[in-house]
């Protein structure tokens, strides 16, 4: 009933009620049910009506465009003239608003003009393309004058469609393009040749780089194998050579009997000998360190101890025997130990004197006035081990103290903290 009575889905119940109230089917439902059915109808019908309305509008526009194309096929008529002549036409009146009619009309005119321009341009391009193809076939670029070229072209049907003023211009353009094309071809050939030469040069460089890289890899591999051989030989020396008094000639005979000797076959004889003496030097150094440690640990050995006295104190220790079988070497090492220890002790004493605040540049003048001042200085110094270690050589210890005090008095008072360094006093 709602569909037959054309009840709008975009209207309200009150406005559409007059369309259905007198229908017999209206009373089949109570008031609440009628309203529910109407709301359901509106929901389902709204989308359908919207699509129908859109379809009708599109059809009306297409019909209007068809009308315009029928009466204004050459796009020379204006909209005012068109509207006055065809305002009663059904397809004209199907569009409600005059502004929309004019817009559709102008769109058609614009499209027709564009189509006409495109056709005209395509035709002109085809004429030019055909004319250029004709000149290509007749080889007129070899003609030095247009008159001679024209004689070759004018008998062909593709010659006539070209405007008279354009023919010579297009011939000149054709000849120019041919010249440029020839130049471009030559340039392309030269560019291709240079590219090929560059590629060949690059290939040579790559091959050279590969050869150098392969050489480097081989060199690294050889170096690695050489290092492995050196490590095997050093390990053999550690196991077989433990006495620093062994000679290379005797040791080599023993080493050759070991299976590990072949692992070092890459090493030259000179290299093996060099590794041997390096190992001997290491053994001697270790034994010297152990022997000096023995001397350091032994009580009764000081800066004035003689070798004969020291030997009695240490000969029972295994380190004494292991150092060397030569007593002369032991004595020489002992003397070197005492000498170095004495040098270090004097250096430590000088550092102690620098730290002692009782000694200043005025100390020498105080000693000249009263020699008992030295007792006060020594009473301070004897609290430090660096002073006591030289108790066995008192005269030399006193000499170091005396020389330090004299030198300090000669230099005078120290510069103030803000004074510049002596090396920078002349720099601005």
Protein backbone atom coordinates (compact mmCIF):
# COMPACT_ATOMS: atom_id res chain seq x y z
CA UNK A 1 0.00 0.00 0.00
CA UNK A 2 2.78 2.46 0.94
CA UNK A 3 4.60 1.68 -2.30
CA UNK A 4 1.43 1.95 -4.43
CA UNK A 5 0.48 5.29 -2.86
CA UNK A 6 4.00 6.57 -3.58
CA UNK A 7 4.74 7.42 0.03
CA UNK A 8 8.10 9.22 0.14
CA UNK A 9 10.83 7.74 2.28
CA UNK A 10 12.25 11.24 2.85
CA UNK A 11 9.05 12.68 4.34
CA UNK A 12 7.41 12.38 7.80
CA UNK A 13 4.45 10.26 8.95
CA UNK A 14 2.24 13.29 9.43
CA UNK A 15 2.90 14.71 5.95
CA UNK A 16 2.31 11.38 4.17
CA UNK A 17 -0.74 10.31 6.20
CA UNK A 18 -3.28 11.89 3.85
CA UNK A 19 -2.10 9.59 1.04
CA UNK A 20 -3.07 6.36 2.83
CA UNK A 21 -5.69 7.19 5.47
CA UNK A 22 -8.61 6.50 3.12
CA UNK A 23 -7.31 3.18 1.88
CA UNK A 24 -9.13 0.10 3.23
CA UNK A 25 -5.84 -1.58 4.11
CA UNK A 26 -5.01 1.27 6.49
CA UNK A 27 -7.32 -0.16 9.17
CA UNK A 28 -5.78 -3.62 9.11
CA UNK A 29 -3.21 -2.50 11.71
CA UNK A 30 -3.57 -0.56 14.94
CA UNK A 31 -1.89 2.86 15.37
CA UNK A 32 1.31 1.50 16.94
CA UNK A 33 1.78 -1.15 14.28
CA UNK A 34 1.15 1.36 11.48
CA UNK A 35 3.89 3.62 12.81
CA UNK A 36 6.34 0.68 13.13
CA UNK A 37 5.66 -0.50 9.59
CA UNK A 38 6.07 3.06 8.28
CA UNK A 39 9.47 3.44 10.02
CA UNK A 40 10.64 0.12 8.60
CA UNK A 41 9.42 1.16 5.15
CA UNK A 42 11.33 4.46 5.38
CA UNK A 43 14.58 2.68 6.28
CA UNK A 44 14.42 0.18 3.40
CA UNK A 45 12.88 2.51 0.82
CA UNK A 46 15.22 5.49 1.39
CA UNK A 47 18.22 3.83 -0.22
CA UNK A 48 16.14 2.58 -3.15
CA UNK A 49 14.67 6.02 -3.81
CA UNK A 50 18.12 7.59 -3.54
CA UNK A 51 19.48 5.27 -6.21
CA UNK A 52 16.42 5.78 -8.43
CA UNK A 53 16.73 9.54 -8.10
CA UNK A 54 20.43 9.42 -8.96
CA UNK A 55 19.76 7.20 -11.96
CA UNK A 56 17.01 9.55 -13.21
CA UNK A 57 19.33 12.52 -12.79
CA UNK A 58 22.12 10.83 -14.74
CA UNK A 59 19.70 9.83 -17.51
CA UNK A 60 18.34 13.37 -17.68
CA UNK A 61 21.88 14.74 -18.08
CA UNK A 62 22.73 12.22 -20.77
CA UNK A 63 19.51 13.04 -22.62
CA UNK A 64 20.33 16.76 -22.37
CA UNK A 65 23.80 16.19 -23.79
CA UNK A 66 22.27 14.15 -26.60
CA UNK A 67 19.95 17.05 -27.39
CA UNK A 68 22.84 19.49 -27.46
CA UNK A 69 24.87 17.24 -29.76
CA UNK A 70 21.91 16.87 -32.16
CA UNK A 71 21.24 20.58 -32.60
CA UNK A 72 24.74 22.02 -32.01
CA UNK A 73 27.00 19.48 -33.67
CA UNK A 74 29.50 22.13 -34.87
CA UNK A 75 29.62 23.95 -31.45
CA UNK A 76 28.90 27.33 -33.05
CA UNK A 77 25.57 28.03 -31.33
CA UNK A 78 25.55 29.95 -28.01
CA UNK A 79 23.61 28.90 -24.93
CA UNK A 80 21.13 31.79 -25.12
CA UNK A 81 20.14 30.89 -28.67
CA UNK A 82 19.96 27.21 -27.76
CA UNK A 83 17.75 27.88 -24.72
CA UNK A 84 15.32 30.11 -26.61
CA UNK A 85 14.86 27.55 -29.39
CA UNK A 86 14.57 24.35 -27.35
CA UNK A 87 13.16 25.46 -24.01
CA UNK A 88 9.97 23.45 -24.63
CA UNK A 89 11.90 20.28 -25.46
CA UNK A 90 11.24 17.50 -22.94
CA UNK A 91 14.94 16.66 -22.59
CA UNK A 92 15.66 20.36 -21.97
CA UNK A 93 13.03 20.65 -19.23
CA UNK A 94 14.20 17.42 -17.55
CA UNK A 95 17.05 19.46 -16.00
CA UNK A 96 15.44 21.68 -13.36
CA UNK A 97 18.02 24.44 -12.91
CA UNK A 98 19.04 26.79 -15.68
CA UNK A 99 22.57 27.05 -14.30
CA UNK A 100 23.05 23.29 -14.56
CA UNK A 101 21.71 23.35 -18.17
CA UNK A 102 24.23 26.05 -19.07
CA UNK A 103 27.07 24.12 -17.37
CA UNK A 104 26.25 20.94 -19.28
CA UNK A 105 25.96 22.92 -22.51
CA UNK A 106 29.35 24.63 -21.96
CA UNK A 107 30.99 21.30 -21.11
CA UNK A 108 29.77 19.86 -24.40
CA UNK A 109 31.01 22.90 -26.35
CA UNK A 110 34.39 22.74 -24.62
CA UNK A 111 34.70 19.03 -25.32
CA UNK A 112 33.74 19.50 -28.98
CA UNK A 113 36.28 22.31 -29.46
CA UNK A 114 39.00 20.23 -27.81
CA UNK A 115 38.13 17.25 -30.01
CA UNK A 116 38.20 19.46 -33.08
CA UNK A 117 41.58 20.94 -32.07
CA UNK A 118 42.98 17.46 -31.43
CA UNK A 119 41.77 16.25 -34.81
CA UNK A 120 43.24 19.30 -36.49
CA UNK A 121 46.58 18.83 -34.68
CA UNK A 122 46.67 15.11 -35.47
CA UNK A 123 45.97 15.86 -39.11
CA UNK A 124 48.73 18.47 -39.21
CA UNK A 125 51.18 16.09 -37.54
CA UNK A 126 50.27 13.33 -39.99
CA UNK A 127 50.81 15.69 -42.93
CA UNK A 128 54.23 16.68 -41.54
CA UNK A 129 55.14 13.07 -40.74
CA UNK A 130 54.18 11.94 -44.25
CA UNK A 131 56.12 14.83 -45.79
CA UNK A 132 59.24 13.99 -43.78
CA UNK A 133 58.88 10.33 -44.74
CA UNK A 134 58.61 11.42 -48.38
CA UNK A 135 61.80 13.49 -48.08
CA UNK A 136 63.52 10.52 -46.44
CA UNK A 137 62.54 8.27 -49.37
CA UNK A 138 63.67 10.80 -51.99
CA UNK A 139 66.96 11.63 -50.14
CA UNK A 140 66.41 15.35 -50.63
CA UNK A 141 68.89 16.19 -47.88
CA UNK A 142 71.59 15.75 -50.54
CA UNK A 143 70.05 18.55 -52.63
CA UNK A 144 71.83 21.87 -52.16
CA UNK A 145 68.76 23.94 -53.16
CA UNK A 146 65.04 23.74 -52.42
CA UNK A 147 64.12 24.04 -56.08
CA UNK A 148 65.91 20.77 -56.89
CA UNK A 149 64.34 19.05 -53.90
CA UNK A 150 60.89 20.29 -54.92
CA UNK A 151 61.24 18.67 -58.35
CA UNK A 152 61.71 15.28 -56.66
CA UNK A 153 58.76 15.74 -54.27
CA UNK A 154 55.97 17.49 -56.15
CA UNK A 155 54.77 14.45 -58.05
CA UNK A 156 53.94 12.53 -54.85
CA UNK A 157 50.39 12.90 -53.38
CA UNK A 158 51.92 13.57 -49.92
CA UNK A 159 53.35 16.84 -51.28
CA UNK A 160 50.05 18.64 -51.99
CA UNK A 161 48.50 18.67 -48.45
CA UNK A 162 51.43 20.75 -47.17
CA UNK A 163 50.98 24.50 -47.21
CA UNK A 164 53.25 26.25 -49.72
CA UNK A 165 55.05 28.36 -47.09
CA UNK A 166 55.82 25.31 -44.96
CA UNK A 167 57.40 23.10 -47.59
CA UNK A 168 60.77 24.87 -47.80
CA UNK A 169 60.88 25.37 -44.01
CA UNK A 170 60.31 21.66 -43.40
CA UNK A 171 62.94 20.79 -46.02
CA UNK A 172 65.47 23.02 -44.20
CA UNK A 173 64.47 21.45 -40.89
CA UNK A 174 64.83 17.97 -42.38
CA UNK A 175 68.32 18.73 -43.71
CA UNK A 176 69.36 20.21 -40.36
CA UNK A 177 68.10 17.16 -38.47
CA UNK A 178 70.02 14.90 -40.84
CA UNK A 179 73.22 16.85 -40.19
CA UNK A 180 72.67 16.72 -36.43
CA UNK A 181 71.86 13.04 -36.64
CA UNK A 182 75.11 12.36 -38.49
CA UNK A 183 77.04 14.38 -35.90
CA UNK A 184 75.23 12.59 -33.10
CA UNK A 185 76.02 9.23 -34.66
CA UNK A 186 79.71 10.15 -34.86
CA UNK A 187 79.61 11.29 -31.26
CA UNK A 188 77.85 8.08 -30.24
CA UNK A 189 80.49 6.02 -32.04
CA UNK A 190 83.27 7.96 -30.31
CA UNK A 191 81.51 7.70 -26.96
CA UNK A 192 81.06 3.95 -27.45
CA UNK A 193 84.73 3.60 -28.38
CA UNK A 194 85.81 5.50 -25.24
CA UNK A 195 83.45 3.43 -23.12
CA UNK A 196 84.92 0.21 -24.53
CA UNK A 197 88.46 1.44 -23.90
CA UNK A 198 87.51 2.46 -20.37
CA UNK A 199 85.93 -0.95 -19.78
CA UNK A 200 89.06 -2.73 -21.06
CA UNK A 201 91.26 -0.53 -18.86
CA UNK A 202 89.06 -1.30 -15.88
CA UNK A 203 89.23 -5.02 -16.66
CA UNK A 204 93.03 -4.78 -16.74
CA UNK A 205 92.97 -2.98 -13.39
CA UNK A 206 90.70 -5.65 -11.92
CA UNK A 207 92.97 -8.41 -13.17
CA UNK A 208 95.99 -6.61 -11.74
CA UNK A 209 94.20 -6.14 -8.42
CA UNK A 210 93.27 -9.83 -8.38
CA UNK A 211 96.89 -10.79 -9.08
CA UNK A 212 98.15 -8.48 -6.32
CA UNK A 213 95.47 -9.75 -3.92
CA UNK A 214 96.40 -13.33 -4.74
CA UNK A 215 100.04 -12.48 -4.18
CA UNK A 216 99.17 -10.89 -0.83
CA UNK A 217 97.11 -13.94 0.15
CA UNK A 218 100.00 -16.25 -0.76
CA UNK A 219 102.36 -14.03 1.19
CA UNK A 220 100.04 -14.06 4.19
CA UNK A 221 99.72 -17.83 3.98
CA UNK A 222 103.51 -18.23 3.82
CA UNK A 223 103.92 -15.81 6.71
CA UNK A 224 101.35 -17.76 8.71
CA UNK A 225 103.15 -21.04 8.03
CA UNK A 226 106.45 -19.38 8.92
CA UNK A 227 104.97 -18.18 12.21
CA UNK A 228 103.70 -21.68 12.93
CA UNK A 229 107.16 -23.11 12.23
CA UNK A 230 108.71 -20.52 14.56
CA UNK A 231 106.21 -21.40 17.30
CA UNK A 232 106.99 -25.13 16.94
CA UNK A 233 110.73 -24.45 17.11
CA UNK A 234 110.35 -22.21 20.19
CA UNK A 235 108.29 -24.91 21.90
CA UNK A 236 111.05 -27.41 21.07
CA UNK A 237 113.66 -25.11 22.59
CA UNK A 238 111.59 -24.71 25.78
CA UNK A 239 111.37 -28.47 26.19
CA UNK A 240 114.92 -29.41 25.19
CA UNK A 241 117.12 -26.45 26.17
CA UNK A 242 117.12 -25.53 29.86
CA UNK A 243 120.78 -24.79 30.45
CA UNK A 244 121.95 -21.33 29.29
CA UNK A 245 125.54 -22.61 28.98
CA UNK A 246 124.69 -24.91 26.05
CA UNK A 247 126.22 -24.12 22.65
CA UNK A 248 124.27 -23.92 19.39
CA UNK A 249 126.31 -26.64 17.61
CA UNK A 250 125.76 -29.21 20.37
CA UNK A 251 122.12 -28.29 20.87
CA UNK A 252 121.34 -28.52 17.15
CA UNK A 253 122.47 -32.14 17.05
CA UNK A 254 120.12 -32.98 19.91
CA UNK A 255 117.20 -31.09 18.39
CA UNK A 256 117.50 -32.89 15.05
CA UNK A 257 116.75 -36.18 16.78
CA UNK A 258 113.34 -34.86 17.85
CA UNK A 259 110.36 -35.35 15.49
CA UNK A 260 109.35 -31.71 15.94
CA UNK A 261 112.50 -30.57 14.13
CA UNK A 262 110.77 -31.25 10.77
CA UNK A 263 107.87 -28.96 11.74
CA UNK A 264 110.32 -26.04 11.60
CA UNK A 265 111.83 -26.91 8.19
CA UNK A 266 110.58 -23.60 6.71
CA UNK A 267 112.96 -21.69 9.01
CA UNK A 268 116.41 -20.87 7.70
CA UNK A 269 119.47 -21.95 9.63
CA UNK A 270 120.16 -18.34 10.65
CA UNK A 271 116.59 -17.93 11.94
CA UNK A 272 116.85 -21.08 14.04
CA UNK A 273 120.14 -19.91 15.46
CA UNK A 274 118.64 -16.50 16.25
CA UNK A 275 115.69 -18.12 18.06
CA UNK A 276 118.15 -20.30 19.99
CA UNK A 277 120.20 -17.36 21.28
CA UNK A 278 117.01 -15.44 22.11
CA UNK A 279 115.93 -18.42 24.19
CA UNK A 280 119.38 -18.60 25.87
CA UNK A 281 119.17 -14.88 26.72
CA UNK A 282 115.72 -15.46 28.25
CA UNK A 283 117.07 -18.30 30.39
CA UNK A 284 120.01 -16.19 31.55
CA UNK A 285 117.71 -13.31 32.40
CA UNK A 286 115.42 -15.55 34.44
CA UNK A 287 118.36 -17.06 36.32
CA UNK A 288 119.75 -13.61 37.04
CA UNK A 289 116.39 -12.52 38.42
CA UNK A 290 116.18 -15.63 40.60
CA UNK A 291 119.79 -15.10 41.83
CA UNK A 292 119.13 -11.42 42.62
CA UNK A 293 115.96 -12.41 44.44
CA UNK A 294 118.09 -14.80 46.53
CA UNK A 295 120.48 -11.96 47.38
CA UNK A 296 117.56 -9.67 48.28
CA UNK A 297 115.99 -12.24 50.58
CA UNK A 298 119.24 -13.20 52.38
CA UNK A 299 119.72 -11.39 55.67
CA UNK A 300 123.28 -10.20 56.37
CA UNK A 301 123.91 -8.99 52.82
CA UNK A 302 124.24 -5.22 52.66
CA UNK A 303 126.09 -2.62 50.67
CA UNK A 304 129.51 -3.44 52.25
CA UNK A 305 129.25 -7.23 52.19
CA UNK A 306 132.06 -8.96 50.29
CA UNK A 307 131.48 -11.88 47.94
CA UNK A 308 133.24 -14.39 50.12
CA UNK A 309 130.97 -13.49 53.04
CA UNK A 310 127.86 -13.55 50.88
CA UNK A 311 128.79 -16.88 49.32
CA UNK A 312 128.84 -18.53 52.75
CA UNK A 313 125.33 -17.24 53.39
CA UNK A 314 123.74 -18.40 50.13
CA UNK A 315 125.64 -21.47 48.93
CA UNK A 316 123.19 -23.81 50.65
CA UNK A 317 120.30 -22.50 48.55
CA UNK A 318 119.48 -24.44 45.29
CA UNK A 319 119.26 -21.13 43.44
CA UNK A 320 122.98 -20.61 44.08
CA UNK A 321 123.90 -23.79 42.19
CA UNK A 322 121.36 -23.33 39.40
CA UNK A 323 122.58 -19.86 38.52
CA UNK A 324 125.92 -20.99 37.09
CA UNK A 325 128.71 -23.50 37.57
CA UNK A 326 131.24 -20.67 37.41
CA UNK A 327 132.05 -18.93 40.69
CA UNK A 328 133.44 -15.98 38.76
CA UNK A 329 130.06 -15.39 37.10
CA UNK A 330 128.36 -15.53 40.51
CA UNK A 331 130.81 -12.99 41.92
CA UNK A 332 130.37 -10.69 38.93
CA UNK A 333 126.60 -10.83 39.29
CA UNK A 334 126.88 -10.20 43.04
CA UNK A 335 129.09 -7.14 42.48
CA UNK A 336 126.65 -5.82 39.89
CA UNK A 337 123.79 -6.37 42.37
CA UNK A 338 125.57 -4.43 45.15
CA UNK A 339 126.58 -1.64 42.78
CA UNK A 340 123.01 -1.16 41.48
CA UNK A 341 121.58 -1.35 44.97
CA UNK A 342 124.02 1.35 46.15
CA UNK A 343 123.05 3.63 43.25
CA UNK A 344 119.35 3.15 44.01
CA UNK A 345 119.94 3.77 47.73
CA UNK A 346 121.73 7.09 47.04
CA UNK A 347 118.91 8.13 44.70
CA UNK A 348 116.33 7.30 47.37
CA UNK A 349 118.33 9.33 49.92
CA UNK A 350 118.30 12.38 47.62
CA UNK A 351 114.50 12.05 47.28
CA UNK A 352 114.28 11.91 51.08
CA UNK A 353 116.36 15.09 51.36
CA UNK A 354 114.01 16.86 48.95
CA UNK A 355 111.04 15.86 51.08
CA UNK A 356 112.69 16.94 54.34
CA UNK A 357 111.34 20.37 55.32
CA UNK A 358 114.11 20.91 57.88
CA UNK A 359 116.66 21.33 55.07
CA UNK A 360 116.37 24.64 53.20
CA UNK A 361 118.62 27.07 51.34
CA UNK A 362 119.53 28.54 54.74
CA UNK A 363 120.77 25.23 56.19
CA UNK A 364 124.38 25.71 55.02
CA UNK A 365 124.58 29.11 56.75
CA UNK A 366 123.15 27.55 59.92
CA UNK A 367 125.76 24.79 59.82
CA UNK A 368 128.56 27.31 59.35
CA UNK A 369 127.34 29.08 62.48
CA UNK A 370 126.68 25.90 64.51
CA UNK A 371 127.76 22.38 63.43
CA UNK A 372 125.43 20.81 66.00
CA UNK A 373 122.55 21.66 63.68
CA UNK A 374 123.53 18.56 61.66
CA UNK A 375 122.50 16.37 64.61
CA UNK A 376 119.00 17.83 64.46
CA UNK A 377 118.82 17.07 60.71
CA UNK A 378 120.00 13.48 61.17
CA UNK A 379 117.54 12.94 64.02
CA UNK A 380 114.77 13.72 61.55
CA UNK A 381 116.23 11.63 58.70
CA UNK A 382 116.88 8.50 60.75
CA UNK A 383 113.16 7.97 61.11
CA UNK A 384 113.08 6.96 57.42
CA UNK A 385 114.24 3.61 56.01
CA UNK A 386 115.91 5.35 53.06
CA UNK A 387 118.40 6.91 55.49
CA UNK A 388 118.98 3.78 57.55
CA UNK A 389 119.74 1.55 54.55
CA UNK A 390 123.03 3.45 54.10
CA UNK A 391 124.13 2.98 57.74
CA UNK A 392 126.86 0.62 56.61
CA UNK A 393 128.47 3.39 54.52
CA UNK A 394 128.08 6.39 56.81
CA UNK A 395 130.86 8.40 55.24
CA UNK A 396 129.33 8.18 51.78
CA UNK A 397 125.88 8.90 53.20
CA UNK A 398 127.20 12.01 54.94
CA UNK A 399 128.89 13.06 51.71
CA UNK A 400 125.56 12.89 49.82
CA UNK A 401 123.84 14.97 52.53
CA UNK A 402 126.68 17.53 52.58
CA UNK A 403 126.70 17.94 48.78
CA UNK A 404 122.92 18.34 48.69
CA UNK A 405 122.95 21.09 51.37
CA UNK A 406 125.78 22.96 49.59
CA UNK A 407 123.99 22.78 46.24
CA UNK A 408 120.71 23.94 47.79
CA UNK A 409 122.44 26.92 49.44
CA UNK A 410 124.13 27.85 46.18
CA UNK A 411 120.78 27.94 44.31
CA UNK A 412 119.26 30.28 46.89
CA UNK A 413 115.61 30.65 47.82
CA UNK A 414 113.05 28.87 45.61
CA UNK A 415 110.93 30.99 43.23
CA UNK A 416 107.41 31.97 44.36
CA UNK A 417 104.53 29.69 43.22
CA UNK A 418 103.34 32.30 40.70
CA UNK A 419 106.71 32.61 39.00
CA UNK A 420 107.00 31.28 35.47
CA UNK A 421 109.18 28.39 34.55
CA UNK A 422 112.80 29.28 33.67
CA UNK A 423 112.37 28.06 30.11
CA UNK A 424 109.41 30.44 29.60
CA UNK A 425 110.68 33.63 31.15
CA UNK A 426 111.84 35.03 27.80
CA UNK A 427 108.64 34.09 25.97
CA UNK A 428 105.94 36.73 25.53
